[in-house]
Amino acid sequence: MLVHVFTGHLSVCVMHIIGDGTYDMQVYYRSLTATCMDLNFSRYREGERLKVINVIARRVGK
């Protein structure tokens, strides 16, 4: 697992080696702004992107 944190941003990459020698990788990015949080998730198997999820979470009143 690789985690990188810098001001307002977080990156996480996780690679799994599967029993048959292939690999699966998950990549997660998060960034914060004054009004929202952007989330980006991707899943890869052997370099092929299988899934992408992009979310913008907006801040609402307290």
Protein backbone atom coordinates (compact mmCIF):
# COMPACT_ATOMS: atom_id res chain seq x y z
CA MET A 1 0.00 0.00 0.00
CA LEU A 2 1.22 3.48 -0.87
CA VAL A 3 -0.29 6.50 0.88
CA HIS A 4 0.57 10.08 0.01
CA VAL A 5 -0.83 12.99 2.01
CA PHE A 6 -0.28 16.65 1.25
CA THR A 7 -2.27 19.79 2.03
CA GLY A 8 -5.92 19.03 1.35
CA HIS A 9 -5.19 15.89 -0.70
CA LEU A 10 -4.92 12.17 0.01
CA SER A 11 -3.81 9.44 -2.41
CA VAL A 12 -3.95 5.72 -1.65
CA CYS A 13 -2.82 2.93 -4.00
CA VAL A 14 -3.23 -0.73 -3.05
CA MET A 15 -1.95 -3.61 -5.18
CA HIS A 16 -2.99 -7.23 -4.58
CA ILE A 17 -1.10 -10.10 -6.19
CA ILE A 18 -3.62 -12.88 -6.85
CA GLY A 19 -2.73 -16.57 -6.52
CA ASP A 20 -2.57 -17.08 -10.31
CA GLY A 21 0.08 -14.32 -10.62
CA THR A 22 -2.23 -11.59 -11.93
CA TYR A 23 -2.69 -8.36 -10.02
CA ASP A 24 -5.54 -6.15 -8.91
CA MET A 25 -4.96 -2.48 -8.03
CA GLN A 26 -7.21 0.05 -6.34
CA VAL A 27 -6.47 3.78 -6.53
CA TYR A 28 -8.23 6.33 -4.33
CA TYR A 29 -7.83 10.13 -4.48
CA ARG A 30 -9.50 12.65 -2.20
CA SER A 31 -9.18 16.41 -2.22
CA LEU A 32 -10.80 19.00 0.00
CA THR A 33 -11.82 22.53 -0.89
CA ALA A 34 -13.66 25.17 1.11
CA THR A 35 -17.02 23.96 -0.24
CA CYS A 36 -16.67 20.30 -1.22
CA MET A 37 -14.75 17.05 -1.21
CA ASP A 38 -13.84 15.33 -4.49
CA LEU A 39 -13.50 11.53 -4.37
CA ASN A 40 -12.10 9.46 -7.23
CA PHE A 41 -11.80 5.67 -7.07
CA SER A 42 -10.51 3.35 -9.81
CA ARG A 43 -10.02 -0.42 -9.85
CA TYR A 44 -7.67 -2.14 -12.29
CA ARG A 45 -6.90 -5.75 -13.10
CA GLU A 46 -3.79 -6.41 -15.17
CA GLY A 47 -3.80 -2.75 -16.24
CA GLU A 48 -7.41 -2.77 -17.48
CA ARG A 49 -9.68 -0.31 -15.69
CA LEU A 50 -12.69 -2.23 -14.41
CA LYS A 51 -14.48 0.38 -12.32
CA VAL A 52 -14.47 4.15 -11.88
CA ILE A 53 -16.39 6.09 -9.26
CA ASN A 54 -16.25 9.91 -9.12
CA VAL A 55 -18.11 11.79 -6.39
CA ILE A 56 -18.37 15.46 -5.45
CA ALA A 57 -19.67 15.85 -1.91
CA ARG A 58 -20.86 19.41 -1.27
CA ARG A 59 -20.89 20.94 2.18
CA VAL A 60 -24.34 21.83 3.51
CA GLY A 61 -25.34 24.06 6.44
CA LYS A 62 -24.73 22.87 10.00
